[in-house]
Protein backbone atom coordinates (compact mmCIF):
# COMPACT_ATOMS: atom_id res chain seq x y z
CA UNK A 1 -78.46 111.37 -11.73
CA UNK A 2 -75.14 110.45 -10.12
CA UNK A 3 -76.77 107.39 -8.55
CA UNK A 4 -77.99 106.25 -11.98
CA UNK A 5 -74.51 106.67 -13.46
CA UNK A 6 -72.98 104.75 -10.54
CA UNK A 7 -75.54 101.96 -10.95
CA UNK A 8 -74.84 101.75 -14.69
CA UNK A 9 -71.08 101.73 -14.06
CA UNK A 10 -71.48 99.13 -11.33
CA UNK A 11 -73.64 96.87 -13.51
CA UNK A 12 -71.23 97.32 -16.42
CA UNK A 13 -68.26 96.47 -14.19
CA UNK A 14 -70.05 93.42 -12.72
CA UNK A 15 -70.91 92.24 -16.22
CA UNK A 16 -67.27 92.66 -17.23
CA UNK A 17 -66.14 90.71 -14.14
CA UNK A 18 -68.66 87.94 -14.87
CA UNK A 19 -67.50 87.83 -18.49
CA UNK A 20 -63.86 87.70 -17.39
CA UNK A 21 -64.59 84.83 -15.03
CA UNK A 22 -66.41 82.89 -17.70
CA UNK A 23 -63.50 83.52 -20.09
CA UNK A 24 -61.10 82.12 -17.49
CA UNK A 25 -63.39 79.13 -17.00
CA UNK A 26 -63.48 78.56 -20.76
CA UNK A 27 -59.69 78.83 -21.02
CA UNK A 28 -59.19 76.31 -18.21
CA UNK A 29 -61.81 73.98 -19.69
CA UNK A 30 -59.97 74.19 -23.01
CA UNK A 31 -56.67 73.28 -21.34
CA UNK A 32 -58.13 70.30 -19.48
CA UNK A 33 -60.14 69.10 -22.48
CA UNK A 34 -57.03 69.37 -24.66
CA UNK A 35 -55.09 67.38 -22.05
CA UNK A 36 -57.61 64.51 -22.28
CA UNK A 37 -57.82 64.76 -26.08
CA UNK A 38 -54.02 64.69 -26.43
CA UNK A 39 -53.88 61.56 -24.25
CA UNK A 40 -56.54 59.88 -26.39
CA UNK A 41 -54.57 60.77 -29.54
CA UNK A 42 -51.25 59.67 -27.96
CA UNK A 43 -49.92 63.13 -28.84
CA UNK A 44 -46.82 63.36 -26.67
CA UNK A 45 -45.91 66.95 -27.60
CA UNK A 46 -49.36 68.45 -26.99
CA UNK A 47 -49.95 66.39 -23.85
CA UNK A 48 -46.76 67.39 -22.09
CA UNK A 49 -46.88 70.97 -23.37
CA UNK A 50 -49.98 71.41 -21.20
CA UNK A 51 -47.99 70.67 -18.03
CA UNK A 52 -45.79 73.14 -16.18
CA UNK A 53 -42.07 72.34 -16.20
CA UNK A 54 -42.28 71.18 -12.56
CA UNK A 55 -45.64 69.40 -12.84
CA UNK A 56 -46.50 66.33 -10.78
CA UNK A 57 -48.84 63.53 -11.89
CA UNK A 58 -50.42 61.32 -9.24
CA UNK A 59 -51.81 58.06 -10.62
CA UNK A 60 -54.36 55.65 -9.22
CA UNK A 61 -51.74 53.44 -7.57
CA UNK A 62 -50.42 54.85 -4.30
CA UNK A 63 -46.85 54.45 -5.62
CA UNK A 64 -47.54 56.58 -8.70
CA UNK A 65 -46.12 60.02 -7.98
CA UNK A 66 -44.30 61.22 -11.05
CA UNK A 67 -42.45 64.39 -11.91
CA UNK A 68 -43.04 65.57 -15.45
CA UNK A 69 -39.83 63.88 -16.65
CA UNK A 70 -40.69 60.60 -14.88
CA UNK A 71 -44.23 60.63 -16.23
CA UNK A 72 -42.96 61.38 -19.72
CA UNK A 73 -40.66 58.33 -19.50
CA UNK A 74 -43.61 56.20 -18.36
CA UNK A 75 -45.95 57.47 -21.10
CA UNK A 76 -43.49 57.44 -24.02
CA UNK A 77 -43.59 53.68 -24.76
CA UNK A 78 -47.39 53.80 -25.02
CA UNK A 79 -47.67 57.00 -27.03
CA UNK A 80 -44.86 55.97 -29.40
CA UNK A 81 -47.03 52.96 -30.39
CA UNK A 82 -50.08 55.20 -30.81
CA UNK A 83 -51.63 53.84 -27.61
CA UNK A 84 -53.33 56.57 -25.67
CA UNK A 85 -56.17 56.57 -23.20
CA UNK A 86 -59.47 58.33 -23.12
CA UNK A 87 -60.92 59.87 -19.99
CA UNK A 88 -64.11 61.69 -20.96
CA UNK A 89 -65.06 64.57 -18.65
CA UNK A 90 -68.64 64.35 -17.40
CA UNK A 91 -68.56 67.13 -14.82
CA UNK A 92 -66.00 69.73 -13.82
CA UNK A 93 -65.69 72.20 -10.95
CA UNK A 94 -63.26 75.10 -10.82
CA UNK A 95 -62.37 76.75 -7.53
CA UNK A 96 -60.76 80.15 -7.69
CA UNK A 97 -58.10 80.99 -5.13
CA UNK A 98 -56.92 84.26 -3.64
CA UNK A 99 -54.21 84.17 -6.30
CA UNK A 100 -55.89 84.98 -9.62
CA UNK A 101 -53.36 82.91 -11.55
CA UNK A 102 -53.99 79.69 -9.57
CA UNK A 103 -57.18 77.62 -9.87
CA UNK A 104 -58.04 74.28 -8.26
CA UNK A 105 -60.17 71.85 -10.26
CA UNK A 106 -61.91 68.54 -9.87
CA UNK A 107 -63.68 66.55 -12.54
CA UNK A 108 -65.64 63.36 -12.93
CA UNK A 109 -64.35 61.29 -15.82
CA UNK A 110 -65.48 58.15 -17.61
CA UNK A 111 -62.97 55.57 -18.84
CA UNK A 112 -63.66 52.36 -20.74
CA UNK A 113 -61.50 50.21 -18.45
CA UNK A 114 -61.74 51.94 -15.07
CA UNK A 115 -65.30 53.29 -15.24
CA UNK A 116 -65.94 56.44 -13.27
CA UNK A 117 -62.78 58.24 -12.19
CA UNK A 118 -61.94 61.56 -10.64
CA UNK A 119 -59.28 63.96 -11.77
CA UNK A 120 -58.25 66.83 -9.58
CA UNK A 121 -55.41 69.26 -9.44
CA UNK A 122 -54.10 72.73 -9.91
CA UNK A 123 -53.76 74.89 -13.01
CA UNK A 124 -51.55 77.96 -13.17
CA UNK A 125 -51.76 80.90 -15.55
CA UNK A 126 -48.43 81.26 -17.38
CA UNK A 127 -47.26 83.49 -20.21
CA UNK A 128 -48.17 80.60 -22.54
CA UNK A 129 -51.68 80.18 -21.06
CA UNK A 130 -53.11 77.88 -18.40
CA UNK A 131 -50.88 74.91 -17.55
CA UNK A 132 -51.45 71.94 -15.27
CA UNK A 133 -49.12 72.03 -12.24
CA UNK A 134 -50.56 68.95 -10.59
CA UNK A 135 -52.96 66.27 -11.80
CA UNK A 136 -54.32 63.55 -9.52
CA UNK A 137 -56.24 60.66 -11.09
CA UNK A 138 -58.26 58.55 -8.67
CA UNK A 139 -61.03 55.99 -8.63
CA UNK A 140 -63.84 57.02 -6.27
CA UNK A 141 -64.88 54.16 -4.02
CA UNK A 142 -68.51 54.07 -2.85
CA UNK A 143 -68.70 54.22 0.95
CA UNK A 144 -70.80 51.05 1.04
CA UNK A 145 -67.87 48.97 -0.23
CA UNK A 146 -64.96 51.05 1.10
CA UNK A 147 -64.15 48.70 4.01
CA UNK A 148 -64.13 45.71 1.67
CA UNK A 149 -61.82 47.51 -0.77
CA UNK A 150 -59.50 48.55 2.08
CA UNK A 151 -59.31 44.92 3.22
CA UNK A 152 -58.50 43.82 -0.34
CA UNK A 153 -55.72 46.43 -0.54
CA UNK A 154 -54.28 45.22 2.79
CA UNK A 155 -54.34 41.63 1.53
CA UNK A 156 -52.65 42.69 -1.70
CA UNK A 157 -49.88 44.56 0.16
CA UNK A 158 -49.23 41.89 2.78
CA UNK A 159 -50.01 38.78 0.73
CA UNK A 160 -52.60 37.63 3.31
């Protein structure tokens, strides 16, 4: 009898844990989806409200490492004209850490101008919900053309 009760309690607890994890996943998905939607709508307030106060945005150019304030200054001229950008998530992975309030993510995105891109970063649970602490946007380069792309980058940097 006690074994049956323990099994029921264990299954109930595991179901609760699974439900809690899926709720966290849904909350993080909502944050990241809202981030992309806000960018597409050029909604400055919503977009930057999804970032932590000390967030960092890493762009596709190696020189693009922006604090939240720097990124806001970069984005403002575009958003103020209603010019946003759409990166549509195609796939997303969430990796839990030992700290329950920190999750690492990576996602495959599609963009009209840049094609397939990858976003990755860190989200942190705050009193106001999940916020993006770091976002890194990159363009995955197929291995078959990586050497050629590296040579093109070297030529671009050196002028040769």
